[in-house]
Amino acid sequence: MALTQVNSQGIRLADVLLIGGGGGGGGGTSSSSVGNGGGGGAGGVVNAQMLLSSGDSFVVTIGAGGTGAVAGGAVATDGSASSIGDFVADGGGAAASYTGSSTTGGASGGSGGGGGYGVSGVDATNSHGRTQLGNDGGDASTGRGNGSAGGGGAGGAGQDNVNTGYGNGGAGGTGTNAFSDWASATSTGDGGFYASGGGGGANDNGTAGTAPAGGGGNGNNTGNGVAATANTGGGGGGGGNPSGSGTSSGGAGGSGIVIVRYKSGTNLATGGTITSSGGYKYHTFTSSGTFAVS
């Protein structure tokens, strides 16, 4: 999948990597039932090939990360899709949140959001007709002291909550390092990984779930979940169950990214941040813009 030539019609071939914004993490509240929030699902990851002609221009949209659940208020939201032309990577699913009286369910997306306090995690979806990397969020069971589940990642499903002693939060699903050369060439990603799920929140006496490499945010056991890293598509971490009384918020999901690369020693297009590596030109979009072929 590399641009190797320009044919007589001026048609060029390039690779594109799209990652949607990650879902927001769930929030928690202190109560006799003990509630905490699940981890957000990672944005979907799409790798495709584009045909480019001189004069072509493509609008690039970078998906925003979902908002984490607000302490005592709004629930978490899904991440937004990233796109270039007709290619789309879904945003990640929002995590489940505990409101003090009930648990709002997680949402589907590029990867599913993690479950919380008796709510199952949700499945990854593929709503735009192209194969994308994404996995399901973990499940969470009821019972005093139980933690919440991790969000799904591009490389694996979110972990269920762990019910040993005081409940622990599940880890986020692993990200993908299938594009580590892209990450290295563009100085993006998280240690060569993209799109890991957020860790689930836990009881104040438990251990919160962590997020693997890929930009997801860690969960918390007493405070707010950790926000995911921008432009990785990672899911936000789940908030914990504060000791005594109080509430916690979920971490925000990480925004997405779009990268176009082609085999050439010279720039054949404009748009994004342009870098060179291994005979390729990379155009990296961390915010929305236009990719225009010369």
C-alpha atoms as a PDB file:
ATOM      1  CA  MET A   1       0.000   0.000   0.000  1.00  0.00           C
ATOM      2  CA  ALA A   2       2.348   2.707  -1.243  1.00  0.00           C
ATOM      3  CA  LEU A   3       2.449   5.307  -3.958  1.00  0.00           C
ATOM      4  CA  THR A   4       4.984   3.906  -6.429  1.00  0.00           C
ATOM      5  CA  GLN A   5       4.130   5.648  -9.682  1.00  0.00           C
ATOM      6  CA  VAL A   6       1.939   8.126 -11.494  1.00  0.00           C
ATOM      7  CA  ASN A   7       0.088   6.557 -14.401  1.00  0.00           C
ATOM      8  CA  SER A   8      -0.777   8.167 -17.735  1.00  0.00           C
ATOM      9  CA  GLN A   9      -4.040   9.527 -16.300  1.00  0.00           C
ATOM     10  CA  GLY A  10      -2.222  11.198 -13.423  1.00  0.00           C
ATOM     11  CA  ILE A  11      -3.703   8.783 -10.878  1.00  0.00           C
ATOM     12  CA  ARG A  12      -1.684   8.380  -7.699  1.00  0.00           C
ATOM     13  CA  LEU A  13      -2.070   5.899  -4.886  1.00  0.00           C
ATOM     14  CA  ALA A  14      -1.688   6.706  -1.170  1.00  0.00           C
ATOM     15  CA  ASP A  15      -2.397   5.180   2.229  1.00  0.00           C
ATOM     16  CA  VAL A  16      -4.584   6.779   4.864  1.00  0.00           C
ATOM     17  CA  LEU A  17      -4.919   6.134   8.609  1.00  0.00           C
ATOM     18  CA  LEU A  18      -7.962   7.478  10.435  1.00  0.00           C
ATOM     19  CA  ILE A  19      -8.726   7.269  14.163  1.00  0.00           C
ATOM     20  CA  GLY A  20     -11.970   8.530  15.683  1.00  0.00           C
ATOM     21  CA  GLY A  21     -12.223  10.414  18.949  1.00  0.00           C
ATOM     22  CA  GLY A  22     -12.379   8.301  22.114  1.00  0.00           C
ATOM     23  CA  GLY A  23     -15.460   8.038  24.317  1.00  0.00           C
ATOM     24  CA  GLY A  24     -15.742   9.823  27.648  1.00  0.00           C
ATOM     25  CA  GLY A  25     -15.327   8.014  30.965  1.00  0.00           C
ATOM     26  CA  GLY A  26     -18.179   7.431  33.403  1.00  0.00           C
ATOM     27  CA  GLY A  27     -18.597   9.171  36.742  1.00  0.00           C
ATOM     28  CA  GLY A  28     -19.352   7.879  40.214  1.00  0.00           C
ATOM     29  CA  THR A  29     -20.991   8.886  43.451  1.00  0.00           C
ATOM     30  CA  SER A  30     -20.751   7.840  47.070  1.00  0.00           C
ATOM     31  CA  SER A  31     -23.816   5.945  48.272  1.00  0.00           C
ATOM     32  CA  SER A  32     -24.833   2.858  50.172  1.00  0.00           C
ATOM     33  CA  SER A  33     -24.737   1.003  46.865  1.00  0.00           C
ATOM     34  CA  VAL A  34     -21.269   2.266  45.969  1.00  0.00           C
ATOM     35  CA  GLY A  35     -21.133   3.470  42.389  1.00  0.00           C
ATOM     36  CA  ASN A  36     -18.303   4.267  40.001  1.00  0.00           C
ATOM     37  CA  GLY A  37     -17.883   4.822  36.277  1.00  0.00           C
ATOM     38  CA  GLY A  38     -16.690   2.639  33.435  1.00  0.00           C
ATOM     39  CA  GLY A  39     -13.864   3.472  31.030  1.00  0.00           C
ATOM     40  CA  GLY A  40     -14.599   5.078  27.669  1.00  0.00           C
ATOM     41  CA  GLY A  41     -14.229   3.113  24.447  1.00  0.00           C
ATOM     42  CA  ALA A  42     -11.438   3.981  22.022  1.00  0.00           C
ATOM     43  CA  GLY A  43     -12.125   5.499  18.638  1.00  0.00           C
ATOM     44  CA  GLY A  44     -12.262   3.184  15.629  1.00  0.00           C
ATOM     45  CA  VAL A  45      -9.099   2.722  13.555  1.00  0.00           C
ATOM     46  CA  VAL A  46      -9.367   2.576   9.746  1.00  0.00           C
ATOM     47  CA  ASN A  47      -6.480   1.921   7.336  1.00  0.00           C
ATOM     48  CA  ALA A  48      -7.361   2.288   3.659  1.00  0.00           C
ATOM     49  CA  GLN A  49      -5.991   3.202   0.263  1.00  0.00           C
ATOM     50  CA  MET A  50      -6.895   6.316  -1.704  1.00  0.00           C
ATOM     51  CA  LEU A  51      -6.701   7.145  -5.384  1.00  0.00           C
ATOM     52  CA  LEU A  52      -5.487  10.696  -5.876  1.00  0.00           C
ATOM     53  CA  SER A  53      -5.640  12.832  -9.022  1.00  0.00           C
ATOM     54  CA  SER A  54      -3.991  16.185  -9.579  1.00  0.00           C
ATOM     55  CA  GLY A  55      -6.321  18.913  -8.378  1.00  0.00           C
ATOM     56  CA  ASP A  56      -8.213  16.691  -5.933  1.00  0.00           C
ATOM     57  CA  SER A  57      -9.118  18.280  -2.622  1.00  0.00           C
ATOM     58  CA  PHE A  58     -10.380  16.408   0.446  1.00  0.00           C
ATOM     59  CA  VAL A  59     -11.930  17.844   3.583  1.00  0.00           C
ATOM     60  CA  VAL A  60     -10.369  16.346   6.710  1.00  0.00           C
ATOM     61  CA  THR A  61     -12.377  16.227   9.954  1.00  0.00           C
ATOM     62  CA  ILE A  62     -10.761  15.283  13.255  1.00  0.00           C
ATOM     63  CA  GLY A  63     -13.168  13.729  15.725  1.00  0.00           C
ATOM     64  CA  ALA A  64     -13.347  15.285  19.162  1.00  0.00           C
ATOM     65  CA  GLY A  65     -13.064  13.130  22.255  1.00  0.00           C
ATOM     66  CA  GLY A  66     -16.259  12.587  24.213  1.00  0.00           C
ATOM     67  CA  THR A  67     -16.837  14.467  27.436  1.00  0.00           C
ATOM     68  CA  GLY A  68     -16.517  12.624  30.715  1.00  0.00           C
ATOM     69  CA  ALA A  69     -19.532  12.363  32.989  1.00  0.00           C
ATOM     70  CA  VAL A  70     -19.878  15.492  35.123  1.00  0.00           C
ATOM     71  CA  ALA A  71     -19.940  14.956  38.882  1.00  0.00           C
ATOM     72  CA  GLY A  72     -23.560  14.669  39.908  1.00  0.00           C
ATOM     73  CA  GLY A  73     -24.775  15.833  36.503  1.00  0.00           C
ATOM     74  CA  ALA A  74     -24.481  14.986  32.814  1.00  0.00           C
ATOM     75  CA  VAL A  75     -23.513  11.509  31.669  1.00  0.00           C
ATOM     76  CA  ALA A  76     -20.546  10.734  29.428  1.00  0.00           C
ATOM     77  CA  THR A  77     -20.749  11.303  25.671  1.00  0.00           C
ATOM     78  CA  ASP A  78     -19.465   9.402  22.645  1.00  0.00           C
ATOM     79  CA  GLY A  79     -16.391  10.460  20.716  1.00  0.00           C
ATOM     80  CA  SER A  80     -16.917  11.954  17.257  1.00  0.00           C
ATOM     81  CA  ALA A  81     -15.941  10.389  13.948  1.00  0.00           C
ATOM     82  CA  SER A  82     -12.821  11.348  11.987  1.00  0.00           C
ATOM     83  CA  SER A  83     -12.983  11.463   8.202  1.00  0.00           C
ATOM     84  CA  ILE A  84     -11.237  12.307   4.961  1.00  0.00           C
ATOM     85  CA  GLY A  85     -13.338  12.299   1.821  1.00  0.00           C
ATOM     86  CA  ASP A  86     -15.574   9.210   1.971  1.00  0.00           C
ATOM     87  CA  PHE A  87     -13.437   7.422   4.570  1.00  0.00           C
ATOM     88  CA  VAL A  88     -14.778   7.483   8.136  1.00  0.00           C
ATOM     89  CA  ALA A  89     -13.542   6.132  11.492  1.00  0.00           C
ATOM     90  CA  ASP A  90     -16.258   5.974  14.172  1.00  0.00           C
ATOM     91  CA  GLY A  91     -15.922   7.700  17.521  1.00  0.00           C
ATOM     92  CA  GLY A  92     -15.609   5.559  20.647  1.00  0.00           C
ATOM     93  CA  GLY A  93     -18.561   4.704  22.856  1.00  0.00           C
ATOM     94  CA  ALA A  94     -19.251   6.559  26.101  1.00  0.00           C
ATOM     95  CA  ALA A  95     -18.867   4.646  29.365  1.00  0.00           C
ATOM     96  CA  ALA A  96     -21.582   3.775  31.850  1.00  0.00           C
ATOM     97  CA  SER A  97     -22.067   6.188  34.764  1.00  0.00           C
ATOM     98  CA  TYR A  98     -23.572   5.725  38.226  1.00  0.00           C
ATOM     99  CA  THR A  99     -25.902   8.569  39.229  1.00  0.00           C
ATOM    100  CA  GLY A 100     -26.655   7.604  42.821  1.00  0.00           C
ATOM    101  CA  SER A 101     -29.923   5.884  42.020  1.00  0.00           C
ATOM    102  CA  SER A 102     -29.294   4.132  38.701  1.00  0.00           C
ATOM    103  CA  THR A 103     -26.634   3.397  36.139  1.00  0.00           C
ATOM    104  CA  THR A 104     -26.787   4.835  32.655  1.00  0.00           C
ATOM    105  CA  GLY A 105     -25.620   2.332  30.078  1.00  0.00           C
ATOM    106  CA  GLY A 106     -22.480   2.557  28.015  1.00  0.00           C
ATOM    107  CA  ALA A 107     -22.646   3.210  24.284  1.00  0.00           C
ATOM    108  CA  SER A 108     -21.421   1.473  21.158  1.00  0.00           C
ATOM    109  CA  GLY A 109     -18.880   3.029  18.826  1.00  0.00           C
ATOM    110  CA  GLY A 110     -15.479   2.392  17.260  1.00  0.00           C
ATOM    111  CA  SER A 111     -14.881   0.495  20.502  1.00  0.00           C
ATOM    112  CA  GLY A 112     -17.589   0.001  23.128  1.00  0.00           C
ATOM    113  CA  GLY A 113     -17.739   1.872  26.413  1.00  0.00           C
ATOM    114  CA  GLY A 114     -17.155  -0.045  29.651  1.00  0.00           C
ATOM    115  CA  GLY A 115     -20.013  -1.131  31.886  1.00  0.00           C
ATOM    116  CA  GLY A 116     -20.596   0.063  35.427  1.00  0.00           C
ATOM    117  CA  TYR A 117     -22.462  -1.267  38.469  1.00  0.00           C
ATOM    118  CA  GLY A 118     -24.543  -4.038  36.980  1.00  0.00           C
ATOM    119  CA  VAL A 119     -24.495  -2.773  33.409  1.00  0.00           C
ATOM    120  CA  SER A 120     -22.942  -4.814  30.638  1.00  0.00           C
ATOM    121  CA  GLY A 121     -20.392  -3.247  28.368  1.00  0.00           C
ATOM    122  CA  VAL A 122     -21.412  -2.595  24.791  1.00  0.00           C
ATOM    123  CA  ASP A 123     -20.229  -3.841  21.451  1.00  0.00           C
ATOM    124  CA  ALA A 124     -18.015  -2.196  18.909  1.00  0.00           C
ATOM    125  CA  THR A 125     -19.820  -1.157  15.741  1.00  0.00           C
ATOM    126  CA  ASN A 126     -18.845  -0.616  12.137  1.00  0.00           C
ATOM    127  CA  SER A 127     -21.423   1.829  10.892  1.00  0.00           C
ATOM    128  CA  HIS A 128     -19.716   3.057   7.754  1.00  0.00           C
ATOM    129  CA  GLY A 129     -19.212  -0.131   5.771  1.00  0.00           C
ATOM    130  CA  ARG A 130     -15.433  -0.418   6.071  1.00  0.00           C
ATOM    131  CA  THR A 131     -13.430  -2.683   8.327  1.00  0.00           C
ATOM    132  CA  GLN A 132     -12.149  -0.870  11.388  1.00  0.00           C
ATOM    133  CA  LEU A 133     -10.233  -2.002  14.448  1.00  0.00           C
ATOM    134  CA  GLY A 134     -12.350  -1.902  17.595  1.00  0.00           C
ATOM    135  CA  ASN A 135     -13.511  -4.153  20.433  1.00  0.00           C
ATOM    136  CA  ASP A 136     -16.241  -4.425  23.048  1.00  0.00           C
ATOM    137  CA  GLY A 137     -16.327  -2.776  26.449  1.00  0.00           C
ATOM    138  CA  GLY A 138     -16.106  -4.967  29.567  1.00  0.00           C
ATOM    139  CA  ASP A 139     -19.044  -5.944  31.790  1.00  0.00           C
ATOM    140  CA  ALA A 140     -19.698  -4.949  35.410  1.00  0.00           C
ATOM    141  CA  SER A 141     -21.729  -6.785  38.031  1.00  0.00           C
ATOM    142  CA  THR A 142     -23.796  -5.459  40.939  1.00  0.00           C
ATOM    143  CA  GLY A 143     -22.923  -5.708  44.592  1.00  0.00           C
ATOM    144  CA  ARG A 144     -21.486  -3.401  47.204  1.00  0.00           C
ATOM    145  CA  GLY A 145     -17.871  -2.541  46.513  1.00  0.00           C
ATOM    146  CA  ASN A 146     -17.739  -3.712  42.931  1.00  0.00           C
ATOM    147  CA  GLY A 147     -15.657  -1.754  40.447  1.00  0.00           C
ATOM    148  CA  SER A 148     -16.560  -0.817  36.896  1.00  0.00           C
ATOM    149  CA  ALA A 149     -15.267  -2.213  33.610  1.00  0.00           C
ATOM    150  CA  GLY A 150     -12.706  -0.953  31.125  1.00  0.00           C
ATOM    151  CA  GLY A 151     -13.565   0.441  27.712  1.00  0.00           C
ATOM    152  CA  GLY A 152     -12.747  -1.460  24.547  1.00  0.00           C
ATOM    153  CA  GLY A 153      -9.571  -0.710  22.610  1.00  0.00           C
ATOM    154  CA  ALA A 154      -8.408  -1.131  19.024  1.00  0.00           C
ATOM    155  CA  GLY A 155      -6.363  -4.183  20.003  1.00  0.00           C
ATOM    156  CA  GLY A 156      -8.563  -5.896  22.600  1.00  0.00           C
ATOM    157  CA  ALA A 157     -11.751  -5.839  24.641  1.00  0.00           C
ATOM    158  CA  GLY A 158     -12.120  -3.966  27.918  1.00  0.00           C
ATOM    159  CA  GLN A 159     -11.660  -6.009  31.084  1.00  0.00           C
ATOM    160  CA  ASP A 160     -14.631  -6.850  33.306  1.00  0.00           C
ATOM    161  CA  ASN A 161     -14.613  -5.526  36.856  1.00  0.00           C
ATOM    162  CA  VAL A 162     -12.642  -7.707  39.282  1.00  0.00           C
ATOM    163  CA  ASN A 163     -14.659  -8.850  42.316  1.00  0.00           C
ATOM    164  CA  THR A 164     -12.034  -9.886  44.839  1.00  0.00           C
ATOM    165  CA  GLY A 165     -12.362  -8.248  48.252  1.00  0.00           C
ATOM    166  CA  TYR A 166     -13.323  -4.694  47.450  1.00  0.00           C
ATOM    167  CA  GLY A 167     -14.112  -4.538  43.780  1.00  0.00           C
ATOM    168  CA  ASN A 168     -11.413  -3.372  41.405  1.00  0.00           C
ATOM    169  CA  GLY A 169     -11.892  -1.579  38.130  1.00  0.00           C
ATOM    170  CA  GLY A 170     -11.206  -3.414  34.881  1.00  0.00           C
ATOM    171  CA  ALA A 171      -8.314  -2.405  32.669  1.00  0.00           C
ATOM    172  CA  GLY A 172      -8.950  -0.695  29.362  1.00  0.00           C
ATOM    173  CA  GLY A 173      -8.632  -2.713  26.170  1.00  0.00           C
ATOM    174  CA  THR A 174      -5.227  -2.700  24.526  1.00  0.00           C
ATOM    175  CA  GLY A 175      -4.434  -0.274  21.751  1.00  0.00           C
ATOM    176  CA  THR A 176      -2.895  -1.214  18.421  1.00  0.00           C
ATOM    177  CA  ASN A 177       0.781  -0.965  17.459  1.00  0.00           C
ATOM    178  CA  ALA A 178       0.137  -2.078  13.876  1.00  0.00           C
ATOM    179  CA  PHE A 179       1.024   1.452  12.778  1.00  0.00           C
ATOM    180  CA  SER A 180       4.108   2.026  14.898  1.00  0.00           C
ATOM    181  CA  ASP A 181       6.082   3.158  11.830  1.00  0.00           C
ATOM    182  CA  TRP A 182       3.464   5.841  11.207  1.00  0.00           C
ATOM    183  CA  ALA A 183       3.651   6.912  14.853  1.00  0.00           C
ATOM    184  CA  SER A 184       7.450   7.118  14.745  1.00  0.00           C
ATOM    185  CA  ALA A 185       7.516   9.062  11.474  1.00  0.00           C
ATOM    186  CA  THR A 186       4.971  11.614  12.696  1.00  0.00           C
ATOM    187  CA  SER A 187       5.855  11.768  16.425  1.00  0.00           C
ATOM    188  CA  THR A 188       2.277  10.832  17.335  1.00  0.00           C
ATOM    189  CA  GLY A 189       0.621   8.032  19.293  1.00  0.00           C
ATOM    190  CA  ASP A 190       1.657   6.674  22.665  1.00  0.00           C
ATOM    191  CA  GLY A 191       4.811   4.568  22.540  1.00  0.00           C
ATOM    192  CA  GLY A 192       3.921   3.358  19.039  1.00  0.00           C
ATOM    193  CA  PHE A 193       0.311   2.550  20.004  1.00  0.00           C
ATOM    194  CA  TYR A 194      -3.010   4.216  19.242  1.00  0.00           C
ATOM    195  CA  ALA A 195      -6.551   3.880  20.603  1.00  0.00           C
ATOM    196  CA  SER A 196      -6.579   2.070  23.958  1.00  0.00           C
ATOM    197  CA  GLY A 197      -9.684   1.939  26.158  1.00  0.00           C
ATOM    198  CA  GLY A 198     -10.044   3.854  29.396  1.00  0.00           C
ATOM    199  CA  GLY A 199      -9.650   2.102  32.747  1.00  0.00           C
ATOM    200  CA  GLY A 200     -12.697   1.494  34.940  1.00  0.00           C
ATOM    201  CA  GLY A 201     -13.319   3.284  38.209  1.00  0.00           C
ATOM    202  CA  ALA A 202     -13.319   1.463  41.554  1.00  0.00           C
ATOM    203  CA  ASN A 203     -14.521   1.580  45.146  1.00  0.00           C
ATOM    204  CA  ASP A 204     -12.476   3.823  47.445  1.00  0.00           C
ATOM    205  CA  ASN A 205     -10.895   0.688  48.981  1.00  0.00           C
ATOM    206  CA  GLY A 206     -10.329  -0.982  45.613  1.00  0.00           C
ATOM    207  CA  THR A 207      -7.827  -0.564  42.787  1.00  0.00           C
ATOM    208  CA  ALA A 208      -8.876   1.360  39.721  1.00  0.00           C
ATOM    209  CA  GLY A 209      -8.362   0.002  36.222  1.00  0.00           C
ATOM    210  CA  THR A 210      -5.449   1.257  34.174  1.00  0.00           C
ATOM    211  CA  ALA A 211      -5.225   2.043  30.477  1.00  0.00           C
ATOM    212  CA  PRO A 212      -2.579   0.285  28.376  1.00  0.00           C
ATOM    213  CA  ALA A 213      -0.368   2.137  25.887  1.00  0.00           C
ATOM    214  CA  GLY A 214      -2.483   3.851  23.255  1.00  0.00           C
ATOM    215  CA  GLY A 215      -3.550   7.054  24.939  1.00  0.00           C
ATOM    216  CA  GLY A 216      -6.451   5.903  27.138  1.00  0.00           C
ATOM    217  CA  GLY A 217      -6.928   7.452  30.578  1.00  0.00           C
ATOM    218  CA  ASN A 218      -6.608   5.566  33.864  1.00  0.00           C
ATOM    219  CA  GLY A 219      -9.564   5.081  36.175  1.00  0.00           C
ATOM    220  CA  ASN A 220      -9.670   6.342  39.751  1.00  0.00           C
ATOM    221  CA  ASN A 221     -10.901   4.878  43.055  1.00  0.00           C
ATOM    222  CA  THR A 222     -11.807   8.068  44.916  1.00  0.00           C
ATOM    223  CA  GLY A 223     -11.555  10.955  42.470  1.00  0.00           C
ATOM    224  CA  ASN A 224     -12.037  11.872  38.847  1.00  0.00           C
ATOM    225  CA  GLY A 225     -11.045   9.645  35.955  1.00  0.00           C
ATOM    226  CA  VAL A 226      -7.986  10.652  33.925  1.00  0.00           C
ATOM    227  CA  ALA A 227      -8.434  12.258  30.512  1.00  0.00           C
ATOM    228  CA  ALA A 228      -7.070  10.417  27.475  1.00  0.00           C
ATOM    229  CA  THR A 229      -4.169  11.800  25.440  1.00  0.00           C
ATOM    230  CA  ALA A 230      -5.111  14.092  22.554  1.00  0.00           C
ATOM    231  CA  ASN A 231      -4.895  12.736  18.980  1.00  0.00           C
ATOM    232  CA  THR A 232      -4.680   9.086  20.033  1.00  0.00           C
ATOM    233  CA  GLY A 233      -8.373   8.161  20.040  1.00  0.00           C
ATOM    234  CA  GLY A 234      -7.991   6.777  23.584  1.00  0.00           C
ATOM    235  CA  GLY A 235     -10.982   6.412  25.924  1.00  0.00           C
ATOM    236  CA  GLY A 236     -11.354   8.452  29.092  1.00  0.00           C
ATOM    237  CA  GLY A 237     -10.879   6.876  32.536  1.00  0.00           C
ATOM    238  CA  GLY A 238     -13.768   6.144  34.899  1.00  0.00           C
ATOM    239  CA  GLY A 239     -14.318   8.108  38.074  1.00  0.00           C
ATOM    240  CA  GLY A 240     -14.234   6.400  41.468  1.00  0.00           C
ATOM    241  CA  ASN A 241     -16.433   6.183  44.527  1.00  0.00           C
ATOM    242  CA  PRO A 242     -15.396   8.933  46.947  1.00  0.00           C
ATOM    243  CA  SER A 243     -15.155   7.976  50.609  1.00  0.00           C
ATOM    244  CA  GLY A 244     -17.985   9.334  52.741  1.00  0.00           C
ATOM    245  CA  SER A 245     -19.992  11.565  50.441  1.00  0.00           C
ATOM    246  CA  GLY A 246     -19.266  13.183  47.135  1.00  0.00           C
ATOM    247  CA  THR A 247     -19.139  12.562  43.426  1.00  0.00           C
ATOM    248  CA  SER A 248     -16.528  12.024  40.740  1.00  0.00           C
ATOM    249  CA  SER A 249     -16.298  12.873  37.058  1.00  0.00           C
ATOM    250  CA  GLY A 250     -15.075  10.753  34.170  1.00  0.00           C
ATOM    251  CA  GLY A 251     -12.064  11.653  32.077  1.00  0.00           C
ATOM    252  CA  ALA A 252     -12.518  13.086  28.593  1.00  0.00           C
ATOM    253  CA  GLY A 253     -11.755  10.932  25.574  1.00  0.00           C
ATOM    254  CA  GLY A 254      -8.783  11.733  23.365  1.00  0.00           C
ATOM    255  CA  SER A 255      -9.336  13.445  20.020  1.00  0.00           C
ATOM    256  CA  GLY A 256      -8.681  11.514  16.832  1.00  0.00           C
ATOM    257  CA  ILE A 257      -6.133  11.890  14.037  1.00  0.00           C
ATOM    258  CA  VAL A 258      -5.858  11.494  10.255  1.00  0.00           C
ATOM    259  CA  ILE A 259      -2.570  10.704   8.474  1.00  0.00           C
ATOM    260  CA  VAL A 260      -2.010  10.377   4.722  1.00  0.00           C
ATOM    261  CA  ARG A 261       1.231   8.955   3.368  1.00  0.00           C
ATOM    262  CA  TYR A 262       2.610   8.319  -0.112  1.00  0.00           C
ATOM    263  CA  LYS A 263       5.909   7.124  -1.575  1.00  0.00           C
ATOM    264  CA  SER A 264       7.760  10.137  -2.936  1.00  0.00           C
ATOM    265  CA  GLY A 265      10.882  12.188  -2.446  1.00  0.00           C
ATOM    266  CA  THR A 266       8.961  15.427  -2.968  1.00  0.00           C
ATOM    267  CA  ASN A 267       5.722  16.846  -1.640  1.00  0.00           C
ATOM    268  CA  LEU A 268       2.839  15.942  -3.961  1.00  0.00           C
ATOM    269  CA  ALA A 269       0.137  17.566  -1.840  1.00  0.00           C
ATOM    270  CA  THR A 270      -0.490  20.219   0.799  1.00  0.00           C
ATOM    271  CA  GLY A 271      -2.244  20.078   4.152  1.00  0.00           C
ATOM    272  CA  GLY A 272      -1.412  18.987   7.675  1.00  0.00           C
ATOM    273  CA  THR A 273       2.107  18.743   9.061  1.00  0.00           C
ATOM    274  CA  ILE A 274       4.419  17.198   6.451  1.00  0.00           C
ATOM    275  CA  THR A 275       7.286  14.906   7.468  1.00  0.00           C
ATOM    276  CA  SER A 276       9.525  12.454   5.608  1.00  0.00           C
ATOM    277  CA  SER A 277      10.553   8.968   6.671  1.00  0.00           C
ATOM    278  CA  GLY A 278      11.579   5.768   4.881  1.00  0.00           C
ATOM    279  CA  GLY A 279      10.909   7.219   1.440  1.00  0.00           C
ATOM    280  CA  TYR A 280       7.383   8.317   2.385  1.00  0.00           C
ATOM    281  CA  LYS A 281       5.832  11.732   2.782  1.00  0.00           C
ATOM    282  CA  TYR A 282       3.411  11.910   5.716  1.00  0.00           C
ATOM    283  CA  HIS A 283       0.664  14.524   6.058  1.00  0.00           C
ATOM    284  CA  THR A 284      -0.528  14.540   9.694  1.00  0.00           C
ATOM    285  CA  PHE A 285      -3.795  16.218  10.668  1.00  0.00           C
ATOM    286  CA  THR A 286      -4.330  16.811  14.386  1.00  0.00           C
ATOM    287  CA  SER A 287      -7.054  19.344  13.659  1.00  0.00           C
ATOM    288  CA  SER A 288      -9.531  19.642  10.819  1.00  0.00           C
ATOM    289  CA  GLY A 289      -8.273  20.969   7.484  1.00  0.00           C
ATOM    290  CA  THR A 290      -7.884  20.204   3.778  1.00  0.00           C
ATOM    291  CA  PHE A 291      -5.662  17.725   1.929  1.00  0.00           C
ATOM    292  CA  ALA A 292      -5.059  19.049  -1.597  1.00  0.00           C
ATOM    293  CA  VAL A 293      -3.204  17.159  -4.345  1.00  0.00           C
ATOM    294  CA  SER A 294      -0.841  19.220  -6.512  1.00  0.00           C
END
